């Protein structure tokens, strides 16, 4: 059942690219050019989505990137997320993933972590970590900054081949409000739409 639901979600997202504002399309197309340049030199590429606490936006981006790579059969792309500091993944982030169709299970080996399942084969580790964490591949990596604070304040990530800005508004401002579910899903869908758009333009 959950696989059918997330498949429907992917179909909804890929049919909604017209909702992306023209100013964002310019930004996204520029990012696509940068990514394809790196992939010309070496086909395999790692995406590193960065925000301050690695709790919301970067987690959304990472999971959707893993799913988009599977959806578009871009097997040479792997995604990670991180923060300028380690915290925990927001419960509201986890709730949004579940509401949108992902199956969530507690991680057996990492505290404050969970596994997101897409279909039968793709299992995504989701936990908050710093950019220096050993679980992150340091080879042929492009850093994508998902919040303006990390964009301005993150120290140089020495192993990143390039850094690009893909900032989103923080849904944290809706925590402890009656609209948190709606707003987290709205943010999750916005990030999914732009991530899927980028992946749809990448060279296979």
N, C-alpha and C. Protein backbone atom coordinates (compact mmCIF):
# COMPACT_ATOMS: atom_id res chain seq x y z
N UNK A 1 0.82 -1.21 0.00
CA UNK A 1 0.00 0.00 0.00
C UNK A 1 0.85 1.26 0.00
N UNK A 2 1.87 1.31 0.89
CA UNK A 2 2.68 2.53 1.00
C UNK A 2 3.41 2.81 -0.31
N UNK A 3 3.84 1.75 -1.01
CA UNK A 3 4.55 1.96 -2.27
C UNK A 3 3.64 2.60 -3.30
N UNK A 4 2.39 2.15 -3.38
CA UNK A 4 1.42 2.76 -4.29
C UNK A 4 1.22 4.23 -3.95
N UNK A 5 1.18 4.54 -2.65
CA UNK A 5 0.94 5.91 -2.23
C UNK A 5 2.11 6.82 -2.62
N UNK A 6 3.34 6.36 -2.42
CA UNK A 6 4.48 7.21 -2.76
C UNK A 6 4.66 7.30 -4.27
N UNK A 7 4.25 6.25 -4.99
CA UNK A 7 4.27 6.33 -6.45
C UNK A 7 3.30 7.40 -6.94
N UNK A 8 2.13 7.45 -6.33
CA UNK A 8 1.17 8.50 -6.68
C UNK A 8 1.74 9.88 -6.35
N UNK A 9 2.44 9.97 -5.22
CA UNK A 9 3.06 11.24 -4.84
C UNK A 9 4.09 11.66 -5.89
N UNK A 10 4.92 10.73 -6.35
CA UNK A 10 5.92 11.04 -7.38
C UNK A 10 5.24 11.51 -8.66
N UNK A 11 4.17 10.87 -9.04
CA UNK A 11 3.44 11.28 -10.24
C UNK A 11 2.86 12.67 -10.09
N UNK A 12 2.34 12.96 -8.90
CA UNK A 12 1.81 14.30 -8.62
C UNK A 12 2.91 15.35 -8.73
N UNK A 13 4.07 15.05 -8.16
CA UNK A 13 5.17 16.01 -8.16
C UNK A 13 5.68 16.25 -9.58
N UNK A 14 5.86 15.20 -10.36
CA UNK A 14 6.43 15.35 -11.70
C UNK A 14 5.46 16.02 -12.67
N UNK A 15 4.20 16.07 -12.32
CA UNK A 15 3.22 16.76 -13.18
C UNK A 15 2.96 18.19 -12.71
N UNK A 16 3.73 18.65 -11.71
CA UNK A 16 3.47 19.98 -11.14
C UNK A 16 4.62 20.95 -11.32
N UNK A 17 5.52 20.67 -12.28
CA UNK A 17 6.66 21.57 -12.48
C UNK A 17 6.23 22.97 -12.90
N UNK A 18 5.05 23.08 -13.48
CA UNK A 18 4.54 24.40 -13.90
C UNK A 18 4.28 25.32 -12.72
N UNK A 19 4.21 24.75 -11.52
CA UNK A 19 4.00 25.57 -10.31
C UNK A 19 5.29 26.24 -9.83
N UNK A 20 6.42 25.87 -10.38
CA UNK A 20 7.68 26.47 -9.95
C UNK A 20 7.78 27.87 -10.53
N UNK A 21 7.97 28.89 -9.69
CA UNK A 21 8.08 30.28 -10.19
C UNK A 21 9.25 30.42 -11.16
N UNK A 22 9.11 31.35 -12.10
CA UNK A 22 10.14 31.54 -13.13
C UNK A 22 11.50 31.89 -12.53
N UNK A 23 11.50 32.66 -11.44
CA UNK A 23 12.77 33.02 -10.82
C UNK A 23 13.48 31.79 -10.24
N UNK A 24 12.70 30.86 -9.73
CA UNK A 24 13.29 29.62 -9.20
C UNK A 24 13.75 28.72 -10.34
N UNK A 25 13.05 28.72 -11.46
CA UNK A 25 13.47 27.92 -12.61
C UNK A 25 14.85 28.35 -13.10
N UNK A 26 15.09 29.66 -13.09
CA UNK A 26 16.41 30.17 -13.48
C UNK A 26 17.48 29.61 -12.55
N UNK A 27 17.19 29.64 -11.24
CA UNK A 27 18.11 29.10 -10.25
C UNK A 27 18.33 27.60 -10.47
N UNK A 28 17.25 26.86 -10.64
CA UNK A 28 17.34 25.41 -10.79
C UNK A 28 18.09 25.01 -12.06
N UNK A 29 17.82 25.72 -13.14
CA UNK A 29 18.52 25.42 -14.39
C UNK A 29 20.01 25.69 -14.27
N UNK A 30 20.37 26.72 -13.50
CA UNK A 30 21.78 26.99 -13.25
C UNK A 30 22.44 25.87 -12.46
N UNK A 31 21.71 25.34 -11.49
CA UNK A 31 22.22 24.22 -10.70
C UNK A 31 22.40 22.98 -11.58
N UNK A 32 21.44 22.75 -12.48
CA UNK A 32 21.55 21.61 -13.40
C UNK A 32 22.82 21.72 -14.23
N UNK A 33 23.14 22.91 -14.72
CA UNK A 33 24.36 23.11 -15.51
C UNK A 33 25.60 22.76 -14.69
N UNK A 34 25.62 23.22 -13.44
CA UNK A 34 26.78 22.94 -12.58
C UNK A 34 26.93 21.44 -12.32
N UNK A 35 25.80 20.78 -12.09
CA UNK A 35 25.85 19.34 -11.82
C UNK A 35 26.32 18.57 -13.05
N UNK A 36 25.79 18.92 -14.21
CA UNK A 36 26.18 18.20 -15.42
C UNK A 36 27.64 18.43 -15.79
N UNK A 37 28.18 19.60 -15.43
CA UNK A 37 29.62 19.84 -15.65
C UNK A 37 30.44 18.86 -14.82
N UNK A 38 30.06 18.69 -13.56
CA UNK A 38 30.79 17.77 -12.69
C UNK A 38 30.65 16.34 -13.17
N UNK A 39 29.49 16.00 -13.67
CA UNK A 39 29.27 14.63 -14.13
C UNK A 39 29.96 14.35 -15.45
N UNK A 40 30.33 15.40 -16.20
CA UNK A 40 31.12 15.20 -17.41
C UNK A 40 32.52 14.70 -17.07
N UNK A 41 33.04 15.18 -15.94
CA UNK A 41 34.39 14.80 -15.53
C UNK A 41 34.41 13.42 -14.88
N UNK A 42 33.36 13.11 -14.18
CA UNK A 42 33.26 11.81 -13.50
C UNK A 42 31.79 11.51 -13.34
N UNK A 43 31.35 10.37 -13.83
CA UNK A 43 29.92 10.10 -13.88
C UNK A 43 29.30 10.02 -12.49
N UNK A 44 29.95 9.32 -11.58
CA UNK A 44 29.41 9.20 -10.23
C UNK A 44 29.46 10.55 -9.52
N UNK A 45 28.42 10.85 -8.77
CA UNK A 45 28.36 12.13 -8.07
C UNK A 45 27.57 11.98 -6.77
N UNK A 46 28.04 12.63 -5.72
CA UNK A 46 27.36 12.64 -4.43
C UNK A 46 26.80 14.02 -4.16
N UNK A 47 25.53 14.08 -3.78
CA UNK A 47 24.90 15.32 -3.35
C UNK A 47 24.95 15.39 -1.83
N UNK A 48 25.30 16.54 -1.31
CA UNK A 48 25.30 16.76 0.14
C UNK A 48 24.40 17.95 0.43
N UNK A 49 23.23 17.69 1.03
CA UNK A 49 22.28 18.74 1.35
C UNK A 49 22.57 19.25 2.77
N UNK A 50 22.79 20.56 2.88
CA UNK A 50 23.28 21.14 4.13
C UNK A 50 22.32 22.19 4.66
N UNK A 51 21.95 22.07 5.95
CA UNK A 51 21.31 23.16 6.66
C UNK A 51 21.88 23.18 8.07
N UNK A 52 21.46 24.10 8.90
CA UNK A 52 22.14 24.29 10.17
C UNK A 52 22.05 23.08 11.07
N UNK A 53 20.83 22.58 11.32
CA UNK A 53 20.65 21.51 12.30
C UNK A 53 20.38 20.15 11.68
N UNK A 54 20.29 20.09 10.34
CA UNK A 54 20.03 18.81 9.68
C UNK A 54 18.80 18.14 10.28
N UNK A 55 17.74 18.92 10.41
CA UNK A 55 16.55 18.44 11.09
C UNK A 55 15.30 18.48 10.22
N UNK A 56 15.27 19.37 9.23
CA UNK A 56 14.05 19.54 8.43
C UNK A 56 14.36 19.60 6.93
N UNK A 57 14.74 20.80 6.44
CA UNK A 57 14.88 21.00 5.00
C UNK A 57 15.90 20.09 4.34
N UNK A 58 17.06 19.95 4.94
CA UNK A 58 18.09 19.10 4.35
C UNK A 58 17.67 17.63 4.37
N UNK A 59 16.89 17.23 5.37
CA UNK A 59 16.38 15.87 5.42
C UNK A 59 15.35 15.63 4.32
N UNK A 60 14.44 16.58 4.14
CA UNK A 60 13.49 16.47 3.03
C UNK A 60 14.24 16.34 1.71
N UNK A 61 15.21 17.22 1.48
CA UNK A 61 15.94 17.24 0.21
C UNK A 61 16.67 15.92 -0.02
N UNK A 62 17.30 15.40 1.02
CA UNK A 62 18.06 14.16 0.87
C UNK A 62 17.16 12.99 0.50
N UNK A 63 16.07 12.83 1.22
CA UNK A 63 15.17 11.70 0.95
C UNK A 63 14.56 11.82 -0.45
N UNK A 64 14.11 13.02 -0.82
CA UNK A 64 13.52 13.17 -2.15
C UNK A 64 14.57 12.96 -3.23
N UNK A 65 15.81 13.35 -2.98
CA UNK A 65 16.87 13.13 -3.98
C UNK A 65 17.13 11.65 -4.17
N UNK A 66 17.14 10.89 -3.09
CA UNK A 66 17.33 9.44 -3.21
C UNK A 66 16.18 8.82 -4.01
N UNK A 67 14.96 9.28 -3.74
CA UNK A 67 13.81 8.74 -4.44
C UNK A 67 13.80 9.20 -5.90
N UNK A 68 14.16 10.46 -6.14
CA UNK A 68 14.21 10.97 -7.52
C UNK A 68 15.25 10.21 -8.34
N UNK A 69 16.38 9.89 -7.73
CA UNK A 69 17.41 9.12 -8.44
C UNK A 69 16.87 7.75 -8.84
N UNK A 70 16.12 7.12 -7.94
CA UNK A 70 15.50 5.83 -8.26
C UNK A 70 14.42 6.00 -9.33
N UNK A 71 13.62 7.06 -9.19
CA UNK A 71 12.53 7.31 -10.12
C UNK A 71 13.03 7.53 -11.54
N UNK A 72 14.15 8.27 -11.68
CA UNK A 72 14.71 8.58 -13.00
C UNK A 72 15.86 7.65 -13.39
N UNK A 73 16.07 6.59 -12.63
CA UNK A 73 17.11 5.60 -12.93
C UNK A 73 18.50 6.23 -13.05
N UNK A 74 18.79 7.14 -12.15
CA UNK A 74 20.11 7.78 -12.10
C UNK A 74 20.93 7.07 -11.01
N UNK A 75 21.37 5.89 -11.33
CA UNK A 75 22.01 5.04 -10.33
C UNK A 75 23.39 5.53 -9.91
N UNK A 76 23.98 6.45 -10.68
CA UNK A 76 25.32 6.95 -10.36
C UNK A 76 25.29 8.10 -9.36
N UNK A 77 24.09 8.49 -8.91
CA UNK A 77 23.97 9.61 -7.97
C UNK A 77 23.55 9.08 -6.60
N UNK A 78 24.27 9.53 -5.58
CA UNK A 78 23.97 9.20 -4.20
C UNK A 78 23.82 10.49 -3.41
N UNK A 79 22.90 10.51 -2.45
CA UNK A 79 22.62 11.72 -1.68
C UNK A 79 22.85 11.52 -0.19
N UNK A 80 23.25 12.62 0.46
CA UNK A 80 23.46 12.66 1.90
C UNK A 80 22.92 13.99 2.42
N UNK A 81 22.72 14.08 3.70
CA UNK A 81 22.38 15.37 4.31
C UNK A 81 23.24 15.56 5.54
N UNK A 82 23.39 16.82 5.95
CA UNK A 82 24.20 17.11 7.13
C UNK A 82 23.86 18.50 7.63
N UNK A 83 24.43 18.86 8.77
CA UNK A 83 24.26 20.19 9.34
C UNK A 83 25.59 20.80 9.70
N UNK A 84 25.56 22.08 10.02
CA UNK A 84 26.76 22.70 10.57
C UNK A 84 26.95 22.26 12.01
N UNK A 85 25.90 21.66 12.57
CA UNK A 85 25.98 21.01 13.88
C UNK A 85 24.99 19.85 13.89
N UNK A 86 25.18 18.93 14.80
CA UNK A 86 24.32 17.75 14.90
C UNK A 86 23.20 18.02 15.89
N UNK A 87 21.98 17.60 15.55
CA UNK A 87 20.85 17.73 16.48
C UNK A 87 20.04 16.44 16.40
N UNK A 88 18.74 16.54 16.15
CA UNK A 88 17.89 15.38 15.89
C UNK A 88 16.94 15.75 14.75
N UNK A 89 16.41 14.75 14.10
CA UNK A 89 15.42 15.00 13.05
C UNK A 89 14.10 15.36 13.71
N UNK A 90 13.50 16.45 13.27
CA UNK A 90 12.23 16.90 13.84
C UNK A 90 11.15 15.84 13.70
N UNK A 91 10.37 15.65 14.76
CA UNK A 91 9.24 14.73 14.70
C UNK A 91 8.25 15.15 13.63
N UNK A 92 8.14 16.45 13.40
CA UNK A 92 7.21 16.93 12.37
C UNK A 92 7.71 16.57 10.97
N UNK A 93 9.01 16.50 10.79
CA UNK A 93 9.58 16.05 9.52
C UNK A 93 9.21 14.60 9.28
N UNK A 94 9.39 13.77 10.30
CA UNK A 94 9.04 12.36 10.21
C UNK A 94 7.55 12.19 9.90
N UNK A 95 6.72 12.98 10.59
CA UNK A 95 5.28 12.91 10.37
C UNK A 95 4.92 13.25 8.93
N UNK A 96 5.58 14.27 8.37
CA UNK A 96 5.31 14.66 6.99
C UNK A 96 5.68 13.55 6.01
N UNK A 97 6.81 12.92 6.23
CA UNK A 97 7.20 11.80 5.37
C UNK A 97 6.14 10.70 5.41
N UNK A 98 5.68 10.36 6.60
CA UNK A 98 4.66 9.32 6.73
C UNK A 98 3.36 9.73 6.05
N UNK A 99 2.96 10.98 6.25
CA UNK A 99 1.70 11.46 5.65
C UNK A 99 1.75 11.44 4.13
N UNK A 100 2.96 11.59 3.57
CA UNK A 100 3.10 11.63 2.11
C UNK A 100 3.37 10.26 1.51
N UNK A 101 3.43 9.22 2.34
CA UNK A 101 3.45 7.87 1.80
C UNK A 101 4.67 7.02 2.08
N UNK A 102 5.67 7.56 2.78
CA UNK A 102 6.84 6.75 3.08
C UNK A 102 6.59 5.86 4.30
N UNK A 103 7.13 4.67 4.26
CA UNK A 103 7.08 3.79 5.41
C UNK A 103 8.28 4.09 6.29
N UNK A 104 8.05 4.32 7.57
CA UNK A 104 9.09 4.73 8.51
C UNK A 104 9.28 3.65 9.57
N UNK A 105 10.53 3.31 9.85
CA UNK A 105 10.84 2.38 10.94
C UNK A 105 12.04 2.92 11.72
N UNK A 106 12.07 2.61 13.01
CA UNK A 106 13.22 3.00 13.83
C UNK A 106 14.49 2.34 13.30
N UNK A 107 15.58 3.11 13.37
CA UNK A 107 16.86 2.58 12.93
C UNK A 107 17.42 1.65 13.99
N UNK A 108 17.89 0.46 13.62
CA UNK A 108 18.37 -0.49 14.64
C UNK A 108 19.73 -0.16 15.23
N UNK A 109 20.50 0.70 14.55
CA UNK A 109 21.89 0.92 14.97
C UNK A 109 22.23 2.34 15.39
N UNK A 110 21.40 3.32 15.04
CA UNK A 110 21.73 4.72 15.29
C UNK A 110 20.63 5.36 16.12
N UNK A 111 21.00 6.03 17.21
CA UNK A 111 20.03 6.72 18.05
C UNK A 111 19.42 7.90 17.29
N UNK A 112 18.15 8.20 17.60
CA UNK A 112 17.45 9.33 16.98
C UNK A 112 17.48 9.25 15.45
N UNK A 113 17.33 8.05 14.93
CA UNK A 113 17.37 7.86 13.48
C UNK A 113 16.21 6.97 13.05
N UNK A 114 15.89 7.04 11.76
CA UNK A 114 14.86 6.16 11.24
C UNK A 114 15.21 5.75 9.82
N UNK A 115 14.51 4.74 9.35
CA UNK A 115 14.68 4.24 7.99
C UNK A 115 13.44 4.58 7.20
N UNK A 116 13.64 5.19 6.03
CA UNK A 116 12.54 5.50 5.13
C UNK A 116 12.60 4.52 3.96
N UNK A 117 11.47 3.87 3.68
CA UNK A 117 11.44 2.87 2.64
C UNK A 117 10.66 3.39 1.43
N UNK A 118 11.28 3.21 0.25
CA UNK A 118 10.61 3.54 -1.01
C UNK A 118 10.60 2.26 -1.84
N UNK A 119 9.43 1.67 -2.02
CA UNK A 119 9.36 0.42 -2.73
C UNK A 119 9.96 -0.71 -1.89
N UNK A 120 10.48 -1.72 -2.54
CA UNK A 120 10.99 -2.89 -1.83
C UNK A 120 12.50 -2.83 -1.64
N UNK A 121 13.19 -1.99 -2.40
CA UNK A 121 14.64 -2.07 -2.42
C UNK A 121 15.35 -0.85 -1.85
N UNK A 122 14.77 0.33 -1.95
CA UNK A 122 15.46 1.54 -1.51
C UNK A 122 15.14 1.83 -0.06
N UNK A 123 16.14 1.73 0.79
CA UNK A 123 16.02 2.03 2.21
C UNK A 123 16.96 3.18 2.52
N UNK A 124 16.44 4.26 3.07
CA UNK A 124 17.21 5.48 3.28
C UNK A 124 17.45 5.70 4.77
N UNK A 125 18.71 5.80 5.17
CA UNK A 125 19.05 6.15 6.54
C UNK A 125 18.82 7.63 6.76
N UNK A 126 18.09 7.98 7.78
CA UNK A 126 17.80 9.39 8.07
C UNK A 126 18.16 9.69 9.52
N UNK A 127 19.21 10.49 9.70
CA UNK A 127 19.60 10.90 11.04
C UNK A 127 20.41 12.19 10.94
N UNK A 128 20.40 12.96 12.00
CA UNK A 128 21.10 14.24 12.01
C UNK A 128 22.59 14.02 12.23
N UNK A 129 23.41 14.70 11.43
CA UNK A 129 24.86 14.54 11.52
C UNK A 129 25.55 15.80 11.02
N UNK A 130 26.79 15.97 11.41
CA UNK A 130 27.61 17.09 10.95
C UNK A 130 28.26 16.73 9.62
N UNK A 131 28.68 17.76 8.88
CA UNK A 131 29.23 17.54 7.55
C UNK A 131 30.51 16.69 7.55
N UNK A 132 31.15 16.57 8.70
CA UNK A 132 32.37 15.77 8.80
C UNK A 132 32.10 14.31 9.16
N UNK A 133 30.81 13.92 9.29
CA UNK A 133 30.47 12.57 9.73
C UNK A 133 31.05 11.51 8.78
N UNK A 134 31.51 10.43 9.36
CA UNK A 134 32.16 9.37 8.60
C UNK A 134 31.22 8.67 7.62
N UNK A 135 29.92 8.77 7.84
CA UNK A 135 28.96 8.09 6.96
C UNK A 135 28.80 8.78 5.61
N UNK A 136 29.31 10.00 5.49
CA UNK A 136 29.15 10.78 4.26
C UNK A 136 30.32 10.51 3.32
N UNK A 137 30.01 10.19 2.07
CA UNK A 137 31.07 10.00 1.08
C UNK A 137 31.72 11.34 0.77
N UNK A 138 33.04 11.35 0.70
CA UNK A 138 33.79 12.59 0.45
C UNK A 138 34.27 12.68 -1.00
N UNK A 139 33.88 11.75 -1.83
CA UNK A 139 34.35 11.70 -3.21
C UNK A 139 33.36 12.38 -4.16
N UNK A 140 33.88 13.26 -5.00
CA UNK A 140 33.09 13.89 -6.06
C UNK A 140 31.74 14.37 -5.55
N UNK A 141 31.79 15.28 -4.58
CA UNK A 141 30.61 15.75 -3.87
C UNK A 141 30.29 17.20 -4.21
N UNK A 142 29.01 17.48 -4.40
CA UNK A 142 28.55 18.85 -4.55
C UNK A 142 27.68 19.20 -3.34
N UNK A 143 28.01 20.29 -2.66
CA UNK A 143 27.26 20.72 -1.48
C UNK A 143 26.12 21.63 -1.92
N UNK A 144 24.92 21.33 -1.47
CA UNK A 144 23.74 22.12 -1.81
C UNK A 144 23.15 22.67 -0.52
N UNK A 145 23.22 24.00 -0.36
CA UNK A 145 22.84 24.65 0.87
C UNK A 145 21.34 24.92 0.87
N UNK A 146 20.62 24.27 1.78
CA UNK A 146 19.15 24.36 1.77
C UNK A 146 18.60 25.44 2.69
N UNK A 147 19.47 26.13 3.42
CA UNK A 147 19.01 27.26 4.24
C UNK A 147 20.03 28.39 4.18
N UNK A 148 19.55 29.62 4.28
CA UNK A 148 20.42 30.78 4.14
C UNK A 148 21.43 30.88 5.27
N UNK A 149 21.05 30.42 6.47
CA UNK A 149 21.97 30.49 7.60
C UNK A 149 23.19 29.62 7.35
N UNK A 150 22.95 28.39 6.92
CA UNK A 150 24.08 27.50 6.61
C UNK A 150 24.86 28.04 5.42
N UNK A 151 24.16 28.63 4.47
CA UNK A 151 24.80 29.19 3.29
C UNK A 151 25.81 30.27 3.68
N UNK A 152 25.43 31.11 4.65
CA UNK A 152 26.30 32.21 5.08
C UNK A 152 27.36 31.77 6.07
N UNK A 153 27.00 30.85 6.96
CA UNK A 153 27.85 30.55 8.11
C UNK A 153 28.58 29.22 8.07
N UNK A 154 28.23 28.36 7.13
CA UNK A 154 28.90 27.07 7.08
C UNK A 154 30.36 27.25 6.68
N UNK A 155 31.27 26.64 7.42
CA UNK A 155 32.67 26.72 7.02
C UNK A 155 32.87 26.01 5.69
N UNK A 156 33.98 26.24 5.06
CA UNK A 156 34.27 25.57 3.80
C UNK A 156 34.25 24.06 4.01
N UNK A 157 33.53 23.36 3.15
CA UNK A 157 33.52 21.90 3.19
C UNK A 157 34.64 21.44 2.27
N UNK A 158 35.76 21.03 2.81
CA UNK A 158 36.97 20.85 2.01
C UNK A 158 36.86 19.81 0.91
N UNK A 159 36.00 18.82 1.10
CA UNK A 159 35.91 17.76 0.10
C UNK A 159 34.89 18.06 -1.00
N UNK A 160 34.12 19.15 -0.88
CA UNK A 160 33.10 19.47 -1.89
C UNK A 160 33.73 20.07 -3.14
N UNK A 161 33.37 19.56 -4.29
CA UNK A 161 33.86 20.09 -5.55
C UNK A 161 33.24 21.45 -5.86
N UNK A 162 32.03 21.66 -5.37
CA UNK A 162 31.32 22.90 -5.64
C UNK A 162 30.26 23.09 -4.57
N UNK A 163 29.80 24.34 -4.42
CA UNK A 163 28.73 24.66 -3.47
C UNK A 163 27.70 25.51 -4.19
N UNK A 164 26.42 25.13 -4.07
CA UNK A 164 25.35 25.90 -4.69
C UNK A 164 24.28 26.18 -3.64
N UNK A 165 23.52 27.25 -3.87
CA UNK A 165 22.46 27.66 -2.95
C UNK A 165 21.11 27.17 -3.46
N UNK A 166 20.42 26.42 -2.62
CA UNK A 166 19.06 25.97 -2.91
C UNK A 166 18.26 26.16 -1.63
N UNK A 167 18.05 27.43 -1.27
CA UNK A 167 17.46 27.78 0.02
C UNK A 167 15.94 27.64 0.01
N UNK A 168 15.41 27.17 1.13
CA UNK A 168 13.97 27.07 1.34
C UNK A 168 13.62 27.69 2.69
N UNK A 169 12.37 28.14 2.83
CA UNK A 169 11.93 28.68 4.12
C UNK A 169 11.78 27.55 5.13
N UNK A 170 12.08 27.87 6.38
CA UNK A 170 12.09 26.86 7.43
C UNK A 170 10.68 26.62 7.96
N UNK A 171 10.17 25.37 7.89
CA UNK A 171 8.84 25.10 8.43
C UNK A 171 8.81 25.10 9.95
N UNK A 172 9.97 25.22 10.58
CA UNK A 172 10.03 25.23 12.04
C UNK A 172 9.13 26.30 12.64
N UNK A 173 8.92 27.40 11.90
CA UNK A 173 8.11 28.50 12.43
C UNK A 173 6.67 28.08 12.69
N UNK A 174 6.27 26.92 12.16
CA UNK A 174 4.91 26.43 12.38
C UNK A 174 4.83 25.37 13.47
N UNK A 175 5.97 25.06 14.10
CA UNK A 175 5.94 24.12 15.21
C UNK A 175 5.01 24.65 16.31
N UNK A 176 4.30 23.75 16.95
CA UNK A 176 3.39 24.11 18.05
C UNK A 176 2.24 25.02 17.60
N UNK A 177 1.87 24.92 16.32
CA UNK A 177 0.69 25.60 15.82
C UNK A 177 -0.27 24.55 15.27
N UNK A 178 -1.50 24.95 15.07
CA UNK A 178 -2.52 24.01 14.57
C UNK A 178 -2.31 23.66 13.10
N UNK A 179 -1.48 24.42 12.40
CA UNK A 179 -1.29 24.21 10.96
C UNK A 179 0.01 23.50 10.63
N UNK A 180 0.70 22.94 11.64
CA UNK A 180 2.02 22.39 11.37
C UNK A 180 1.99 21.27 10.34
N UNK A 181 0.98 20.41 10.38
CA UNK A 181 0.94 19.30 9.43
C UNK A 181 0.84 19.81 8.00
N UNK A 182 -0.08 20.74 7.78
CA UNK A 182 -0.27 21.31 6.45
C UNK A 182 0.99 22.00 5.96
N UNK A 183 1.62 22.77 6.84
CA UNK A 183 2.79 23.56 6.43
C UNK A 183 4.02 22.69 6.20
N UNK A 184 4.20 21.67 7.00
CA UNK A 184 5.33 20.76 6.77
C UNK A 184 5.15 20.00 5.46
N UNK A 185 3.93 19.57 5.19
CA UNK A 185 3.68 18.90 3.92
C UNK A 185 3.88 19.86 2.75
N UNK A 186 3.48 21.10 2.91
CA UNK A 186 3.68 22.11 1.87
C UNK A 186 5.17 22.29 1.57
N UNK A 187 5.98 22.40 2.63
CA UNK A 187 7.42 22.54 2.44
C UNK A 187 8.01 21.29 1.81
N UNK A 188 7.59 20.13 2.30
CA UNK A 188 8.09 18.87 1.76
C UNK A 188 7.79 18.77 0.26
N UNK A 189 6.59 19.15 -0.14
CA UNK A 189 6.22 19.08 -1.55
C UNK A 189 6.99 20.10 -2.39
N UNK A 190 7.20 21.30 -1.85
CA UNK A 190 7.96 22.31 -2.57
C UNK A 190 9.38 21.81 -2.82
N UNK A 191 10.00 21.25 -1.80
CA UNK A 191 11.36 20.74 -1.95
C UNK A 191 11.37 19.55 -2.92
N UNK A 192 10.40 18.65 -2.79
CA UNK A 192 10.33 17.51 -3.70
C UNK A 192 10.19 17.97 -5.14
N UNK A 193 9.33 18.94 -5.38
CA UNK A 193 9.11 19.42 -6.75
C UNK A 193 10.40 19.93 -7.37
N UNK A 194 11.17 20.71 -6.62
CA UNK A 194 12.40 21.29 -7.17
C UNK A 194 13.50 20.24 -7.31
N UNK A 195 13.58 19.32 -6.36
CA UNK A 195 14.57 18.25 -6.47
C UNK A 195 14.25 17.35 -7.67
N UNK A 196 13.00 16.97 -7.82
CA UNK A 196 12.62 16.14 -8.95
C UNK A 196 12.84 16.86 -10.28
N UNK A 197 12.56 18.16 -10.30
CA UNK A 197 12.81 18.93 -11.52
C UNK A 197 14.29 18.89 -11.90
N UNK A 198 15.16 19.12 -10.91
CA UNK A 198 16.61 19.05 -11.18
C UNK A 198 17.00 17.69 -11.74
N UNK A 199 16.52 16.63 -11.10
CA UNK A 199 16.89 15.29 -11.54
C UNK A 199 16.34 14.97 -12.91
N UNK A 200 15.19 15.54 -13.26
CA UNK A 200 14.61 15.29 -14.57
C UNK A 200 15.46 15.88 -15.69
N UNK A 201 16.33 16.83 -15.36
CA UNK A 201 17.17 17.51 -16.34
C UNK A 201 18.59 16.96 -16.41
N UNK A 202 18.93 16.03 -15.55
CA UNK A 202 20.31 15.53 -15.49
C UNK A 202 20.56 14.51 -16.59
N UNK A 203 21.80 14.47 -17.03
CA UNK A 203 22.18 13.51 -18.04
C UNK A 203 22.13 12.10 -17.47
N UNK A 204 21.57 11.20 -18.22
CA UNK A 204 21.48 9.81 -17.75
C UNK A 204 22.77 9.06 -18.02
